[in-house]
C-alpha atoms as a PDB file:
ATOM      1  CA  MET A   1      -7.626 -10.422  -7.436  1.00  0.00           C
ATOM      2  CA  GLU A   2     -11.402 -10.641  -8.184  1.00  0.00           C
ATOM      3  CA  LEU A   3     -13.994  -7.825  -7.664  1.00  0.00           C
ATOM      4  CA  GLY A   4     -15.881  -7.958  -4.647  1.00  0.00           C
ATOM      5  CA  GLU A   5     -13.283 -10.070  -2.610  1.00  0.00           C
ATOM      6  CA  VAL A   6     -11.425  -8.749   0.322  1.00  0.00           C
ATOM      7  CA  TYR A   7      -7.357  -9.487   0.181  1.00  0.00           C
ATOM      8  CA  PHE A   8      -4.523  -9.176   2.517  1.00  0.00           C
ATOM      9  CA  TYR A   9      -1.886  -7.730  -0.198  1.00  0.00           C
ATOM     10  CA  THR A  10       1.781  -7.499   0.295  1.00  0.00           C
ATOM     11  CA  VAL A  11       4.112  -6.034  -2.482  1.00  0.00           C
ATOM     12  CA  ALA A  12       7.707  -4.829  -2.139  1.00  0.00           C
ATOM     13  CA  ILE A  13       9.755  -2.294  -3.885  1.00  0.00           C
ATOM     14  CA  ALA A  14      11.950  -3.775  -6.541  1.00  0.00           C
ATOM     15  CA  ASP A  15      14.976  -5.636  -5.019  1.00  0.00           C
ATOM     16  CA  TRP A  16      13.629  -4.658  -1.492  1.00  0.00           C
ATOM     17  CA  THR A  17      15.173  -1.202  -2.047  1.00  0.00           C
ATOM     18  CA  SER A  18      14.196   1.256   0.803  1.00  0.00           C
ATOM     19  CA  LEU A  19      12.342   3.657  -1.648  1.00  0.00           C
ATOM     20  CA  LEU A  20       9.554   4.250   0.621  1.00  0.00           C
ATOM     21  CA  LYS A  21      11.818   5.456   3.618  1.00  0.00           C
ATOM     22  CA  THR A  22      10.936   9.047   2.934  1.00  0.00           C
ATOM     23  CA  ASP A  23       7.466  10.459   3.633  1.00  0.00           C
ATOM     24  CA  GLN A  24       7.259  11.927   0.021  1.00  0.00           C
ATOM     25  CA  PHE A  25       6.903   8.374  -1.517  1.00  0.00           C
ATOM     26  CA  LYS A  26       4.583   7.063   1.282  1.00  0.00           C
ATOM     27  CA  THR A  27       2.349  10.250   0.606  1.00  0.00           C
ATOM     28  CA  ILE A  28       1.980   9.155  -2.808  1.00  0.00           C
ATOM     29  CA  ILE A  29       0.783   5.581  -1.756  1.00  0.00           C
ATOM     30  CA  LEU A  30      -1.627   7.375   0.636  1.00  0.00           C
ATOM     31  CA  GLU A  31      -3.024   9.747  -2.092  1.00  0.00           C
ATOM     32  CA  SER A  32      -3.377   7.035  -4.766  1.00  0.00           C
ATOM     33  CA  LEU A  33      -5.270   4.819  -2.105  1.00  0.00           C
ATOM     34  CA  ALA A  34      -7.461   7.728  -1.266  1.00  0.00           C
ATOM     35  CA  TYR A  35      -8.078   8.679  -4.781  1.00  0.00           C
ATOM     36  CA  LEU A  36      -9.339   5.217  -5.775  1.00  0.00           C
ATOM     37  CA  VAL A  37     -11.396   4.941  -2.567  1.00  0.00           C
ATOM     38  CA  ASN A  38     -12.973   8.131  -3.401  1.00  0.00           C
ATOM     39  CA  LYS A  39     -13.627   7.233  -6.910  1.00  0.00           C
ATOM     40  CA  GLN A  40     -15.450   4.063  -5.442  1.00  0.00           C
ATOM     41  CA  LYS A  41     -13.089   1.943  -6.971  1.00  0.00           C
ATOM     42  CA  LEU A  42     -11.501   0.364  -4.004  1.00  0.00           C
ATOM     43  CA  LYS A  43     -12.246  -0.133  -0.196  1.00  0.00           C
ATOM     44  CA  VAL A  44      -9.434  -0.309   2.116  1.00  0.00           C
ATOM     45  CA  TYR A  45      -9.664  -1.770   5.451  1.00  0.00           C
ATOM     46  CA  GLY A  46      -6.146  -1.553   6.659  1.00  0.00           C
ATOM     47  CA  PHE A  47      -2.626  -0.728   5.642  1.00  0.00           C
ATOM     48  CA  VAL A  48       0.903  -0.157   6.803  1.00  0.00           C
ATOM     49  CA  ILE A  49       3.756   1.334   4.586  1.00  0.00           C
ATOM     50  CA  MET A  50       7.174   0.371   5.543  1.00  0.00           C
ATOM     51  CA  PRO A  51      10.602   1.442   4.244  1.00  0.00           C
ATOM     52  CA  ASN A  52      10.665  -1.089   1.312  1.00  0.00           C
ATOM     53  CA  HIS A  53       7.214  -2.769   1.121  1.00  0.00           C
ATOM     54  CA  ILE A  54       3.504  -2.383   1.967  1.00  0.00           C
ATOM     55  CA  HIS A  55       0.692  -4.364   3.406  1.00  0.00           C
ATOM     56  CA  ILE A  56      -2.848  -3.587   2.433  1.00  0.00           C
ATOM     57  CA  ILE A  57      -6.176  -5.136   3.280  1.00  0.00           C
ATOM     58  CA  TRP A  58      -8.439  -4.015   0.421  1.00  0.00           C
ATOM     59  CA  GLU A  59     -11.329  -4.794  -1.765  1.00  0.00           C
ATOM     60  CA  ASN A  60     -11.572  -3.916  -5.612  1.00  0.00           C
ATOM     61  CA  ILE A  61     -15.079  -2.664  -6.031  1.00  0.00           C
ATOM     62  CA  GLU A  62     -15.312  -1.611  -9.650  1.00  0.00           C
ATOM     63  CA  ILE A  63     -13.120  -1.641 -12.903  1.00  0.00           C
ATOM     64  CA  ASN A  64     -11.218   1.525 -13.139  1.00  0.00           C
ATOM     65  CA  GLY A  65     -11.520   2.411 -17.102  1.00  0.00           C
ATOM     66  CA  LYS A  66     -10.032  -0.954 -18.456  1.00  0.00           C
ATOM     67  CA  GLU A  67      -8.160  -2.248 -15.587  1.00  0.00           C
ATOM     68  CA  MET A  68      -8.535  -3.440 -12.113  1.00  0.00           C
ATOM     69  CA  PRO A  69      -8.094  -0.591  -9.350  1.00  0.00           C
ATOM     70  CA  TYR A  70      -4.885  -2.486  -7.913  1.00  0.00           C
ATOM     71  CA  VAL A  71      -3.346  -2.215 -11.281  1.00  0.00           C
ATOM     72  CA  SER A  72      -4.175   1.340 -11.526  1.00  0.00           C
ATOM     73  CA  PHE A  73      -2.735   1.831  -8.159  1.00  0.00           C
ATOM     74  CA  MET A  74       0.561   0.284  -8.993  1.00  0.00           C
ATOM     75  CA  LYS A  75       0.913   2.097 -12.298  1.00  0.00           C
ATOM     76  CA  PHE A  76       0.000   5.499 -10.661  1.00  0.00           C
ATOM     77  CA  THR A  77       2.378   4.989  -7.820  1.00  0.00           C
ATOM     78  CA  GLY A  78       5.245   3.982 -10.204  1.00  0.00           C
ATOM     79  CA  HIS A  79       4.891   6.786 -12.666  1.00  0.00           C
ATOM     80  CA  LYS A  80       4.933   9.327  -9.459  1.00  0.00           C
ATOM     81  CA  PHE A  81       8.033   7.726  -8.221  1.00  0.00           C
ATOM     82  CA  LEU A  82       9.619   8.073 -11.552  1.00  0.00           C
ATOM     83  CA  ASP A  83       8.688  11.660 -11.821  1.00  0.00           C
ATOM     84  CA  ILE A  84      10.039  12.623  -8.503  1.00  0.00           C
ATOM     85  CA  LEU A  85      13.453  10.894  -8.968  1.00  0.00           C
ATOM     86  CA  LYS A  86      13.762  12.196 -12.467  1.00  0.00           C
ATOM     87  CA  GLU A  87      13.044  15.740 -11.382  1.00  0.00           C
ATOM     88  CA  ALA A  88      15.541  15.523  -8.465  1.00  0.00           C
ATOM     89  CA  GLU A  89      18.076  13.695 -10.856  1.00  0.00           C
ATOM     90  CA  ASN A  90      18.387  11.159  -7.928  1.00  0.00           C
ATOM     91  CA  PRO A  91      21.056   8.452  -8.767  1.00  0.00           C
ATOM     92  CA  ILE A  92      18.901   5.751  -7.114  1.00  0.00           C
ATOM     93  CA  LEU A  93      16.682   5.730 -10.359  1.00  0.00           C
ATOM     94  CA  GLU A  94      19.358   3.733 -11.871  1.00  0.00           C
ATOM     95  CA  GLN A  95      18.371   0.821  -9.744  1.00  0.00           C
ATOM     96  CA  PHE A  96      15.020   0.795 -11.211  1.00  0.00           C
ATOM     97  CA  LYS A  97      16.014   0.602 -14.831  1.00  0.00           C
ATOM     98  CA  VAL A  98      14.699  -2.275 -16.750  1.00  0.00           C
ATOM     99  CA  LYS A  99      14.794  -3.658 -20.291  1.00  0.00           C
ATOM    100  CA  ASP A 100      11.072  -4.224 -21.158  1.00  0.00           C
ATOM    101  CA  ASN A 101       9.110  -3.499 -24.084  1.00  0.00           C
ATOM    102  CA  ASP A 102       6.407  -1.522 -22.141  1.00  0.00           C
ATOM    103  CA  ARG A 103       8.578   0.430 -19.611  1.00  0.00           C
ATOM    104  CA  ASN A 104      12.145   1.767 -18.827  1.00  0.00           C
ATOM    105  CA  HIS A 105      11.745   1.653 -15.054  1.00  0.00           C
ATOM    106  CA  LYS A 106      10.097  -0.869 -12.523  1.00  0.00           C
ATOM    107  CA  PHE A 107       9.316   0.195  -9.107  1.00  0.00           C
ATOM    108  CA  TRP A 108       7.322  -2.582  -7.702  1.00  0.00           C
ATOM    109  CA  GLN A 109       8.259  -6.294  -7.647  1.00  0.00           C
ATOM    110  CA  SER A 110       6.000  -8.415  -9.834  1.00  0.00           C
ATOM    111  CA  ASP A 111       5.396 -11.110  -7.254  1.00  0.00           C
ATOM    112  CA  GLY A 112       2.937  -9.170  -5.188  1.00  0.00           C
ATOM    113  CA  MET A 113       1.088 -11.532  -2.934  1.00  0.00           C
ATOM    114  CA  PRO A 114      -2.697 -11.465  -2.573  1.00  0.00           C
ATOM    115  CA  LYS A 115      -4.309 -13.694  -0.040  1.00  0.00           C
ATOM    116  CA  LEU A 116      -8.212 -13.998  -0.032  1.00  0.00           C
ATOM    117  CA  ILE A 117      -9.734 -13.158   3.315  1.00  0.00           C
ATOM    118  CA  SER A 118     -11.997 -15.825   4.061  1.00  0.00           C
ATOM    119  CA  SER A 119     -13.316 -14.804   7.426  1.00  0.00           C
ATOM    120  CA  ARG A 120     -13.403 -11.958  10.043  1.00  0.00           C
ATOM    121  CA  LYS A 121     -10.944 -13.940  12.222  1.00  0.00           C
ATOM    122  CA  MET A 122      -8.418 -14.085   9.279  1.00  0.00           C
ATOM    123  CA  LEU A 123      -8.955 -10.440   8.655  1.00  0.00           C
ATOM    124  CA  GLU A 124      -8.289  -9.523  12.295  1.00  0.00           C
ATOM    125  CA  GLN A 125      -5.103 -11.675  12.334  1.00  0.00           C
ATOM    126  CA  LYS A 126      -3.719  -9.638   9.307  1.00  0.00           C
ATOM    127  CA  LEU A 127      -4.707  -6.394  10.633  1.00  0.00           C
ATOM    128  CA  ASP A 128      -2.504  -7.094  13.893  1.00  0.00           C
ATOM    129  CA  TYR A 129       0.111  -8.319  11.713  1.00  0.00           C
ATOM    130  CA  ILE A 130       0.431  -5.043   9.678  1.00  0.00           C
ATOM    131  CA  HIS A 131      -0.220  -2.869  12.744  1.00  0.00           C
ATOM    132  CA  LEU A 132       2.912  -4.426  14.582  1.00  0.00           C
ATOM    133  CA  ASN A 133       4.987  -4.455  11.682  1.00  0.00           C
ATOM    134  CA  PRO A 134       6.719  -1.092  12.549  1.00  0.00           C
ATOM    135  CA  LEU A 135       7.562  -2.642  15.701  1.00  0.00           C
ATOM    136  CA  GLN A 136       9.434  -5.517  14.599  1.00  0.00           C
ATOM    137  CA  GLU A 137      12.998  -5.581  15.899  1.00  0.00           C
ATOM    138  CA  HIS A 138      14.656  -5.108  12.313  1.00  0.00           C
ATOM    139  CA  TRP A 139      12.528  -2.208  11.912  1.00  0.00           C
ATOM    140  CA  ASN A 140      12.100  -0.449  15.118  1.00  0.00           C
ATOM    141  CA  LEU A 141      10.258   2.568  13.643  1.00  0.00           C
ATOM    142  CA  VAL A 142       8.094   3.278  16.830  1.00  0.00           C
ATOM    143  CA  ASN A 143       7.451   2.040  20.312  1.00  0.00           C
ATOM    144  CA  ASP A 144       3.669   2.247  20.081  1.00  0.00           C
ATOM    145  CA  PRO A 145       2.140   1.133  16.780  1.00  0.00           C
ATOM    146  CA  ASN A 146      -0.396   4.165  17.198  1.00  0.00           C
ATOM    147  CA  ASP A 147       2.678   6.533  16.843  1.00  0.00           C
ATOM    148  CA  TYR A 148       3.342   5.256  13.344  1.00  0.00           C
ATOM    149  CA  TYR A 149       1.731   7.631  10.927  1.00  0.00           C
ATOM    150  CA  PHE A 150       1.602   5.456   7.817  1.00  0.00           C
ATOM    151  CA  SER A 151      -0.658   2.852   9.065  1.00  0.00           C
ATOM    152  CA  SER A 152      -4.346   2.262   9.975  1.00  0.00           C
ATOM    153  CA  CYS A 153      -3.608   1.359  13.423  1.00  0.00           C
ATOM    154  CA  SER A 154      -4.782   4.549  15.095  1.00  0.00           C
ATOM    155  CA  TYR A 155      -7.836   4.665  13.141  1.00  0.00           C
ATOM    156  CA  TYR A 156      -8.767   1.429  14.852  1.00  0.00           C
ATOM    157  CA  GLU A 157      -7.292   1.805  18.117  1.00  0.00           C
ATOM    158  CA  LEU A 158      -7.703   5.571  18.873  1.00  0.00           C
ATOM    159  CA  GLU A 159     -10.581   6.269  16.233  1.00  0.00           C
ATOM    160  CA  ASP A 160      -8.334   8.534  14.623  1.00  0.00           C
ATOM    161  CA  ARG A 161      -9.860   9.997  11.353  1.00  0.00           C
ATOM    162  CA  LYS A 162      -6.888  11.348   9.593  1.00  0.00           C
ATOM    163  CA  PHE A 163      -7.315   8.743   7.011  1.00  0.00           C
ATOM    164  CA  ASP A 164     -11.234   9.200   6.585  1.00  0.00           C
ATOM    165  CA  TRP A 165     -11.191   7.277   3.344  1.00  0.00           C
ATOM    166  CA  LEU A 166     -10.691   3.886   5.146  1.00  0.00           C
ATOM    167  CA  THR A 167     -13.392   1.484   5.741  1.00  0.00           C
ATOM    168  CA  HIS A 168     -13.864  -0.193   9.117  1.00  0.00           C
ATOM    169  CA  TYR A 169     -13.914  -3.934   8.600  1.00  0.00           C
ATOM    170  CA  MET A 170     -16.794  -4.286  10.981  1.00  0.00           C
ATOM    171  CA  ASP A 171     -19.021  -2.470   8.749  1.00  0.00           C
ATOM    172  CA  VAL A 172     -18.407  -5.191   6.174  1.00  0.00           C
ATOM    173  CA  PHE A 173     -17.416  -8.565   7.874  1.00  0.00           C
END
């Protein structure tokens, strides 16, 4: 991903494990996004946090230290997941063990898929897709996409400002 470009990004938890089923882990994602936005490293235009993956429409604005903001996001959330699971002595932690030179656990799959957003129409299509994701039959998390808390849907549909760190795509596109 390049600075100054808007991407639709999808990444899953390793082995599609439903680690994000609990609000505690979803909140870590929200806090990390808000932090990077408030530091003016990222702009987030839309998102949804599903039980085992996330979809985000975002733009990397400025390098965070020596790395791209999305890298900081992945590292920070992974470290927080590890801390919580270790503290709770949660046996699910074993599922994330890896033999790697730079880490012992891996929470995010390496094959995250960034797709460059080339038009307003494409952005709106991706936004619709992510907002309707919780309604898919195999998830069936809510009946109305505005009722799913861990999504930007109500920001756009109801002008709900609970995620005041979001940037409206019409402000840019």
